[in-house]
C-alpha cells in the first residue's frame, strides 16, 4: 500500500487479521536456595522509627545492663529499652529544650540539663526530681 492512500476500515481489519497471535511461554518458578550469608542478613530486624517529639539532641547508654538509652528531644527525656526498641519511660519535667542526660555509674539516677538554666537529678525508677540545681546563666548543654 503506497503512502498517502486512503484505506477503508474493512481493509484495515483484514490486514490486522493476517497476523497470528503470539503465545507467551510460561516458565517454572525459580527455586531460591538459602545460603549461610542469606540467613545471616535475614536474621536482622528492620529499623524501628520512633517519634520522640522533636530532634534528638543527646543519647547516652546506661552503664548497667540492660543498657537503657536516655534520649533527650524537645522538652522530654525518653528512656528506651535496647532489647524491645520501645520507650520504657518518658520524663517530661523540663520547661524548655532538654540538651543532655548523663547516668550515675549505678544506673539508678539520671542528670539532665537544658535551656531552662537548670541541672536536674531524676530517680529513673519513679521519674521524680530529686534535686534541681540552679545557678547557670545560660542553658546547660552538657551534664
N, C-alpha and C. Protein backbone atom coordinates (compact mmCIF):
# COMPACT_ATOMS: atom_id res chain seq x y z
N UNK A 1 0.84 -1.16 0.00
CA UNK A 1 0.00 0.00 0.00
C UNK A 1 0.90 1.24 0.00
N UNK A 2 0.79 2.08 -1.01
CA UNK A 2 1.63 3.28 -1.07
C UNK A 2 1.20 4.30 -0.01
N UNK A 3 2.13 5.14 0.38
CA UNK A 3 1.83 6.18 1.36
C UNK A 3 0.82 7.16 0.81
N UNK A 4 -0.01 7.66 1.71
CA UNK A 4 -0.99 8.65 1.31
C UNK A 4 -2.27 8.07 0.76
N UNK A 5 -2.35 6.77 0.57
CA UNK A 5 -3.56 6.15 0.03
C UNK A 5 -4.58 5.99 1.16
N UNK A 6 -5.82 6.26 0.87
CA UNK A 6 -6.89 6.15 1.84
C UNK A 6 -7.30 4.69 1.94
N UNK A 7 -7.39 4.16 3.18
CA UNK A 7 -7.72 2.77 3.41
C UNK A 7 -9.05 2.72 4.16
N UNK A 8 -9.92 1.83 3.73
CA UNK A 8 -11.21 1.70 4.41
C UNK A 8 -11.03 0.89 5.68
N UNK A 9 -12.01 0.93 6.57
CA UNK A 9 -11.97 0.21 7.84
C UNK A 9 -11.94 -1.30 7.61
N UNK A 10 -12.65 -1.77 6.61
CA UNK A 10 -12.69 -3.21 6.33
C UNK A 10 -11.32 -3.70 5.88
N UNK A 11 -10.65 -2.91 5.02
CA UNK A 11 -9.32 -3.29 4.57
C UNK A 11 -8.34 -3.28 5.75
N UNK A 12 -8.51 -2.33 6.66
CA UNK A 12 -7.64 -2.24 7.84
C UNK A 12 -7.81 -3.47 8.72
N UNK A 13 -9.06 -3.89 8.96
CA UNK A 13 -9.33 -5.07 9.76
C UNK A 13 -8.78 -6.33 9.10
N UNK A 14 -8.87 -6.42 7.80
CA UNK A 14 -8.38 -7.58 7.08
C UNK A 14 -6.86 -7.69 7.20
N UNK A 15 -6.15 -6.55 7.17
CA UNK A 15 -4.70 -6.60 7.27
C UNK A 15 -4.26 -6.98 8.70
N UNK A 16 -5.04 -6.59 9.70
CA UNK A 16 -4.72 -6.94 11.08
C UNK A 16 -4.99 -8.42 11.30
N UNK A 17 -6.02 -8.97 10.68
CA UNK A 17 -6.39 -10.37 10.85
C UNK A 17 -5.33 -11.31 10.29
N UNK A 18 -4.46 -10.85 9.42
CA UNK A 18 -3.43 -11.69 8.84
C UNK A 18 -2.35 -12.08 9.85
N UNK A 19 -2.20 -11.31 10.94
CA UNK A 19 -1.15 -11.60 11.92
C UNK A 19 -1.63 -12.67 12.90
N UNK A 20 -0.68 -13.57 13.25
CA UNK A 20 -1.01 -14.59 14.23
C UNK A 20 -0.71 -14.05 15.63
N UNK A 21 -1.53 -14.47 16.58
CA UNK A 21 -1.32 -14.07 17.96
C UNK A 21 -0.12 -14.83 18.51
N UNK A 22 0.75 -14.14 19.19
CA UNK A 22 1.95 -14.72 19.74
C UNK A 22 1.63 -15.36 21.09
N UNK A 23 2.05 -16.60 21.26
CA UNK A 23 1.81 -17.26 22.54
C UNK A 23 2.98 -16.97 23.48
N UNK A 24 2.66 -16.68 24.74
CA UNK A 24 3.66 -16.35 25.73
C UNK A 24 4.04 -17.62 26.48
N UNK A 25 5.34 -17.90 26.52
CA UNK A 25 5.80 -19.11 27.19
C UNK A 25 5.78 -18.90 28.70
N UNK A 26 5.36 -19.91 29.42
CA UNK A 26 5.37 -19.90 30.88
C UNK A 26 6.50 -20.80 31.36
N UNK A 27 7.37 -20.25 32.19
CA UNK A 27 8.48 -21.00 32.74
C UNK A 27 8.20 -21.32 34.21
N UNK A 28 8.80 -22.38 34.67
CA UNK A 28 8.66 -22.77 36.07
C UNK A 28 9.34 -21.72 36.95
N UNK A 29 8.80 -21.49 38.14
CA UNK A 29 9.37 -20.51 39.07
C UNK A 29 10.74 -20.99 39.54
N UNK A 30 11.66 -20.03 39.69
CA UNK A 30 13.00 -20.36 40.15
C UNK A 30 12.98 -20.69 41.63
N UNK A 31 13.70 -21.69 42.01
CA UNK A 31 13.82 -22.05 43.42
C UNK A 31 15.04 -21.32 43.96
N UNK A 32 14.83 -20.51 45.00
CA UNK A 32 15.94 -19.78 45.57
C UNK A 32 16.51 -20.57 46.73
N UNK A 33 17.81 -20.83 46.66
CA UNK A 33 18.48 -21.56 47.72
C UNK A 33 18.86 -20.61 48.83
N UNK A 34 18.72 -21.05 50.05
CA UNK A 34 19.09 -20.25 51.21
C UNK A 34 20.56 -20.51 51.53
N UNK A 35 21.38 -19.48 51.43
CA UNK A 35 22.80 -19.61 51.73
C UNK A 35 23.07 -19.17 53.16
N UNK A 36 24.24 -19.45 53.65
CA UNK A 36 24.61 -19.04 55.01
C UNK A 36 24.60 -17.52 55.12
N UNK A 37 25.07 -16.86 54.08
CA UNK A 37 25.09 -15.40 54.11
C UNK A 37 23.67 -14.83 54.09
N UNK A 38 22.79 -15.45 53.31
CA UNK A 38 21.40 -15.01 53.27
C UNK A 38 20.71 -15.17 54.61
N UNK A 39 20.99 -16.28 55.31
CA UNK A 39 20.43 -16.49 56.65
C UNK A 39 20.96 -15.45 57.63
N UNK A 40 22.25 -15.13 57.51
CA UNK A 40 22.86 -14.14 58.40
C UNK A 40 22.17 -12.78 58.24
N UNK A 41 22.07 -12.30 57.01
CA UNK A 41 21.47 -10.98 56.78
C UNK A 41 19.97 -10.99 57.06
N UNK A 42 19.33 -12.14 56.88
CA UNK A 42 17.90 -12.24 57.18
C UNK A 42 17.60 -12.24 58.67
N UNK A 43 18.61 -12.50 59.49
CA UNK A 43 18.39 -12.52 60.94
C UNK A 43 18.22 -11.13 61.53
N UNK A 44 18.60 -10.08 60.81
CA UNK A 44 18.45 -8.72 61.32
C UNK A 44 17.02 -8.25 61.17
N UNK A 45 16.57 -7.48 62.12
CA UNK A 45 15.23 -6.91 62.07
C UNK A 45 15.30 -5.54 61.41
N UNK A 46 14.19 -5.12 60.87
CA UNK A 46 14.16 -3.80 60.23
C UNK A 46 14.20 -2.72 61.30
N UNK A 47 14.74 -1.55 60.97
CA UNK A 47 14.83 -0.47 61.96
C UNK A 47 13.43 -0.01 62.40
N UNK A 48 13.38 0.44 63.61
CA UNK A 48 12.12 0.92 64.18
C UNK A 48 12.15 2.44 64.21
N UNK A 49 11.15 3.06 63.68
CA UNK A 49 11.06 4.52 63.70
C UNK A 49 10.28 4.94 64.94
N UNK A 50 10.87 5.82 65.72
CA UNK A 50 10.22 6.32 66.93
C UNK A 50 9.97 7.80 66.78
N UNK A 51 8.89 8.25 67.34
CA UNK A 51 8.60 9.67 67.38
C UNK A 51 8.89 10.14 68.80
N UNK A 52 9.91 10.97 68.96
CA UNK A 52 10.31 11.41 70.28
C UNK A 52 9.88 12.85 70.57
N UNK A 53 9.12 13.46 69.71
CA UNK A 53 8.61 14.80 69.97
C UNK A 53 9.47 15.93 69.45
N UNK A 54 10.54 15.64 68.79
CA UNK A 54 11.41 16.68 68.25
C UNK A 54 12.75 16.09 67.88
N UNK A 55 13.68 16.93 67.44
CA UNK A 55 15.01 16.42 67.08
C UNK A 55 15.76 15.93 68.32
N UNK A 56 16.45 14.82 68.19
CA UNK A 56 17.22 14.26 69.30
C UNK A 56 18.47 15.10 69.48
N UNK A 57 18.69 15.56 70.72
CA UNK A 57 19.86 16.39 71.00
C UNK A 57 20.99 15.63 71.67
N UNK A 58 20.67 14.49 72.32
CA UNK A 58 21.71 13.73 73.01
C UNK A 58 21.22 12.33 73.28
N UNK A 59 22.13 11.35 73.22
CA UNK A 59 21.82 9.96 73.54
C UNK A 59 22.95 9.41 74.40
N UNK A 60 22.58 8.77 75.51
CA UNK A 60 23.59 8.13 76.34
C UNK A 60 23.05 6.81 76.86
N UNK A 61 23.92 5.79 76.85
CA UNK A 61 23.54 4.45 77.32
C UNK A 61 23.85 4.30 78.80
N UNK A 62 22.98 3.59 79.49
CA UNK A 62 23.18 3.29 80.91
C UNK A 62 24.41 2.40 81.05
N UNK A 63 25.24 2.64 82.10
CA UNK A 63 26.43 1.82 82.28
C UNK A 63 26.13 0.43 82.84
N UNK A 64 24.87 0.17 83.19
CA UNK A 64 24.48 -1.10 83.80
C UNK A 64 23.50 -1.81 82.88
N UNK A 65 23.63 -3.15 82.79
CA UNK A 65 22.69 -3.93 81.97
C UNK A 65 21.28 -3.69 82.48
N UNK A 66 20.30 -3.56 81.64
CA UNK A 66 20.16 -3.86 80.22
C UNK A 66 20.51 -2.70 79.30
N UNK A 67 21.34 -1.75 79.76
CA UNK A 67 21.87 -0.67 78.92
C UNK A 67 20.77 0.17 78.28
N UNK A 68 19.90 0.69 79.11
CA UNK A 68 18.81 1.57 78.67
C UNK A 68 19.41 2.84 78.08
N UNK A 69 18.81 3.34 77.00
CA UNK A 69 19.26 4.58 76.38
C UNK A 69 18.45 5.76 76.91
N UNK A 70 19.12 6.84 77.22
CA UNK A 70 18.45 8.09 77.59
C UNK A 70 18.58 9.03 76.40
N UNK A 71 17.46 9.38 75.78
CA UNK A 71 17.45 10.25 74.60
C UNK A 71 16.75 11.55 74.96
N UNK A 72 17.45 12.67 74.76
CA UNK A 72 16.83 13.96 75.00
C UNK A 72 16.32 14.52 73.67
N UNK A 73 15.07 14.92 73.68
CA UNK A 73 14.45 15.50 72.49
C UNK A 73 13.35 16.44 72.96
N UNK A 74 13.39 17.65 72.47
CA UNK A 74 12.39 18.65 72.84
C UNK A 74 12.45 18.87 74.35
N UNK A 75 11.34 18.82 75.03
CA UNK A 75 11.33 19.04 76.48
C UNK A 75 11.31 17.74 77.25
N UNK A 76 11.58 16.62 76.58
CA UNK A 76 11.47 15.31 77.21
C UNK A 76 12.78 14.55 77.18
N UNK A 77 12.89 13.65 78.16
CA UNK A 77 13.97 12.66 78.18
C UNK A 77 13.26 11.31 78.11
N UNK A 78 13.52 10.55 77.05
CA UNK A 78 12.88 9.25 76.85
C UNK A 78 13.87 8.15 77.16
N UNK A 79 13.45 7.21 78.00
CA UNK A 79 14.28 6.06 78.31
C UNK A 79 13.84 4.92 77.42
N UNK A 80 14.76 4.45 76.56
CA UNK A 80 14.44 3.42 75.57
C UNK A 80 15.04 2.08 75.97
N UNK A 81 14.26 1.04 75.84
CA UNK A 81 14.72 -0.32 76.09
C UNK A 81 15.48 -0.78 74.85
N UNK A 82 16.73 -1.22 75.03
CA UNK A 82 17.54 -1.63 73.87
C UNK A 82 17.16 -3.00 73.35
N UNK A 83 16.44 -3.80 74.12
CA UNK A 83 16.04 -5.13 73.67
C UNK A 83 14.77 -5.04 72.82
N UNK A 84 13.75 -4.37 73.34
CA UNK A 84 12.47 -4.28 72.62
C UNK A 84 12.41 -3.09 71.67
N UNK A 85 13.36 -2.17 71.80
CA UNK A 85 13.41 -0.95 70.97
C UNK A 85 12.18 -0.07 71.17
N UNK A 86 11.61 -0.10 72.34
CA UNK A 86 10.43 0.69 72.65
C UNK A 86 10.71 1.59 73.85
N UNK A 87 10.01 2.72 73.97
CA UNK A 87 10.18 3.59 75.13
C UNK A 87 9.73 2.89 76.41
N UNK A 88 10.56 2.96 77.45
CA UNK A 88 10.20 2.41 78.76
C UNK A 88 9.51 3.47 79.60
N UNK A 89 10.13 4.65 79.65
CA UNK A 89 9.60 5.75 80.45
C UNK A 89 9.89 7.06 79.74
N UNK A 90 9.07 8.05 80.02
CA UNK A 90 9.27 9.39 79.48
C UNK A 90 9.29 10.37 80.65
N UNK A 91 10.36 11.14 80.74
CA UNK A 91 10.47 12.17 81.77
C UNK A 91 10.25 13.50 81.08
N UNK A 92 9.16 14.17 81.39
CA UNK A 92 8.84 15.44 80.72
C UNK A 92 8.70 16.55 81.76
N UNK A 93 9.77 16.77 82.49
CA UNK A 93 9.75 17.78 83.54
C UNK A 93 10.48 19.07 83.16
N UNK A 94 11.06 19.11 81.98
CA UNK A 94 11.74 20.34 81.54
C UNK A 94 10.72 21.32 81.00
N UNK A 95 10.92 22.60 81.29
CA UNK A 95 10.03 23.63 80.77
C UNK A 95 10.50 24.15 79.42
N UNK A 96 11.77 23.87 79.11
CA UNK A 96 12.34 24.27 77.82
C UNK A 96 13.11 23.07 77.26
N UNK A 97 13.84 23.25 76.19
CA UNK A 97 14.53 22.15 75.50
C UNK A 97 15.53 21.46 76.43
N UNK A 98 15.49 20.13 76.46
CA UNK A 98 16.47 19.33 77.20
C UNK A 98 17.62 19.02 76.26
N UNK A 99 18.85 19.33 76.69
CA UNK A 99 20.00 19.16 75.82
C UNK A 99 20.81 17.90 76.08
N UNK A 100 20.94 17.47 77.34
CA UNK A 100 21.80 16.31 77.60
C UNK A 100 21.30 15.53 78.80
N UNK A 101 21.77 14.30 78.90
CA UNK A 101 21.45 13.43 80.02
C UNK A 101 22.66 12.55 80.29
N UNK A 102 22.97 12.36 81.57
CA UNK A 102 24.09 11.50 81.97
C UNK A 102 23.63 10.59 83.09
N UNK A 103 24.11 9.35 83.04
CA UNK A 103 23.75 8.35 84.04
C UNK A 103 24.75 8.37 85.19
N UNK A 104 24.27 8.08 86.39
CA UNK A 104 25.15 7.80 87.52
C UNK A 104 25.71 6.40 87.26
N UNK A 105 26.93 6.08 87.70
CA UNK A 105 27.53 4.77 87.39
C UNK A 105 26.69 3.56 87.80
N UNK A 106 25.82 3.70 88.80
CA UNK A 106 24.98 2.56 89.18
C UNK A 106 23.71 2.44 88.34
N UNK A 107 23.44 3.43 87.46
CA UNK A 107 22.30 3.38 86.55
C UNK A 107 20.96 3.71 87.18
N UNK A 108 20.95 4.19 88.43
CA UNK A 108 19.68 4.48 89.11
C UNK A 108 19.27 5.95 89.01
N UNK A 109 20.23 6.82 88.83
CA UNK A 109 19.95 8.25 88.75
C UNK A 109 20.36 8.80 87.39
N UNK A 110 19.65 9.84 86.96
CA UNK A 110 19.91 10.47 85.67
C UNK A 110 19.99 11.98 85.89
N UNK A 111 21.05 12.59 85.37
CA UNK A 111 21.23 14.03 85.47
C UNK A 111 20.95 14.63 84.11
N UNK A 112 20.10 15.65 84.05
CA UNK A 112 19.76 16.27 82.77
C UNK A 112 20.01 17.78 82.83
N UNK A 113 20.29 18.34 81.68
CA UNK A 113 20.46 19.78 81.56
C UNK A 113 19.74 20.27 80.32
N UNK A 114 19.34 21.53 80.36
CA UNK A 114 18.60 22.06 79.22
C UNK A 114 18.67 23.56 79.14
N UNK A 115 17.83 24.11 78.27
CA UNK A 115 17.78 25.55 78.03
C UNK A 115 17.23 26.31 79.23
N UNK A 116 16.56 25.63 80.12
CA UNK A 116 15.93 26.27 81.28
C UNK A 116 16.90 26.67 82.38
N UNK A 117 18.20 26.61 82.16
CA UNK A 117 19.25 27.03 83.10
C UNK A 117 19.26 26.20 84.38
N UNK A 118 18.74 24.97 84.30
CA UNK A 118 18.71 24.07 85.45
C UNK A 118 19.44 22.77 85.14
N UNK A 119 20.03 22.19 86.18
CA UNK A 119 20.52 20.82 86.12
C UNK A 119 19.61 20.06 87.06
N UNK A 120 18.98 18.99 86.54
CA UNK A 120 18.02 18.25 87.35
C UNK A 120 18.50 16.81 87.52
N UNK A 121 18.30 16.28 88.73
CA UNK A 121 18.66 14.90 89.05
C UNK A 121 17.37 14.12 89.23
N UNK A 122 17.22 13.03 88.46
CA UNK A 122 16.00 12.22 88.47
C UNK A 122 16.28 10.82 88.99
N UNK A 123 15.31 10.26 89.70
CA UNK A 123 15.30 8.85 90.03
C UNK A 123 14.62 8.17 88.85
N UNK A 124 15.32 7.27 88.15
CA UNK A 124 14.74 6.68 86.94
C UNK A 124 13.62 5.70 87.24
N UNK A 125 13.58 5.12 88.42
CA UNK A 125 12.50 4.18 88.75
C UNK A 125 11.17 4.90 88.92
N UNK A 126 11.19 6.04 89.61
CA UNK A 126 9.94 6.75 89.88
C UNK A 126 9.74 8.00 89.01
N UNK A 127 10.76 8.42 88.30
CA UNK A 127 10.75 9.64 87.47
C UNK A 127 10.61 10.92 88.30
N UNK A 128 10.87 10.84 89.58
CA UNK A 128 10.79 12.02 90.46
C UNK A 128 12.06 12.85 90.37
N UNK A 129 11.90 14.17 90.52
CA UNK A 129 13.05 15.06 90.57
C UNK A 129 13.60 15.00 91.99
N UNK A 130 14.87 14.62 92.14
CA UNK A 130 15.49 14.58 93.45
C UNK A 130 16.16 15.90 93.80
N UNK A 131 16.76 16.55 92.82
CA UNK A 131 17.42 17.84 93.02
C UNK A 131 17.25 18.69 91.77
N UNK A 132 17.12 19.99 91.97
CA UNK A 132 17.18 20.97 90.89
C UNK A 132 18.28 21.95 91.25
N UNK A 133 19.31 21.97 90.46
CA UNK A 133 20.47 22.81 90.73
C UNK A 133 20.41 24.06 89.87
N UNK A 134 20.35 25.20 90.52
CA UNK A 134 20.27 26.49 89.83
C UNK A 134 21.63 27.17 89.85
N UNK A 135 21.77 28.23 89.09
CA UNK A 135 23.00 29.00 89.13
C UNK A 135 23.60 29.23 87.75
N UNK A 136 23.14 28.52 86.76
CA UNK A 136 23.66 28.75 85.40
C UNK A 136 23.02 30.00 84.81
N UNK A 137 23.83 30.76 84.08
CA UNK A 137 23.31 31.97 83.45
C UNK A 137 22.73 31.69 82.07
N UNK A 138 23.16 30.59 81.47
CA UNK A 138 22.67 30.20 80.15
C UNK A 138 22.27 28.74 80.22
N UNK A 139 21.75 28.21 79.09
CA UNK A 139 21.34 26.82 79.05
C UNK A 139 22.49 25.86 79.30
N UNK A 140 22.17 24.70 79.87
CA UNK A 140 23.18 23.67 80.17
C UNK A 140 23.18 22.68 79.02
N UNK A 141 24.26 22.67 78.25
CA UNK A 141 24.33 21.82 77.06
C UNK A 141 24.95 20.46 77.33
N UNK A 142 25.70 20.30 78.42
CA UNK A 142 26.35 19.02 78.70
C UNK A 142 26.38 18.79 80.21
N UNK A 143 25.97 17.59 80.60
CA UNK A 143 25.98 17.26 82.03
C UNK A 143 26.96 16.14 82.27
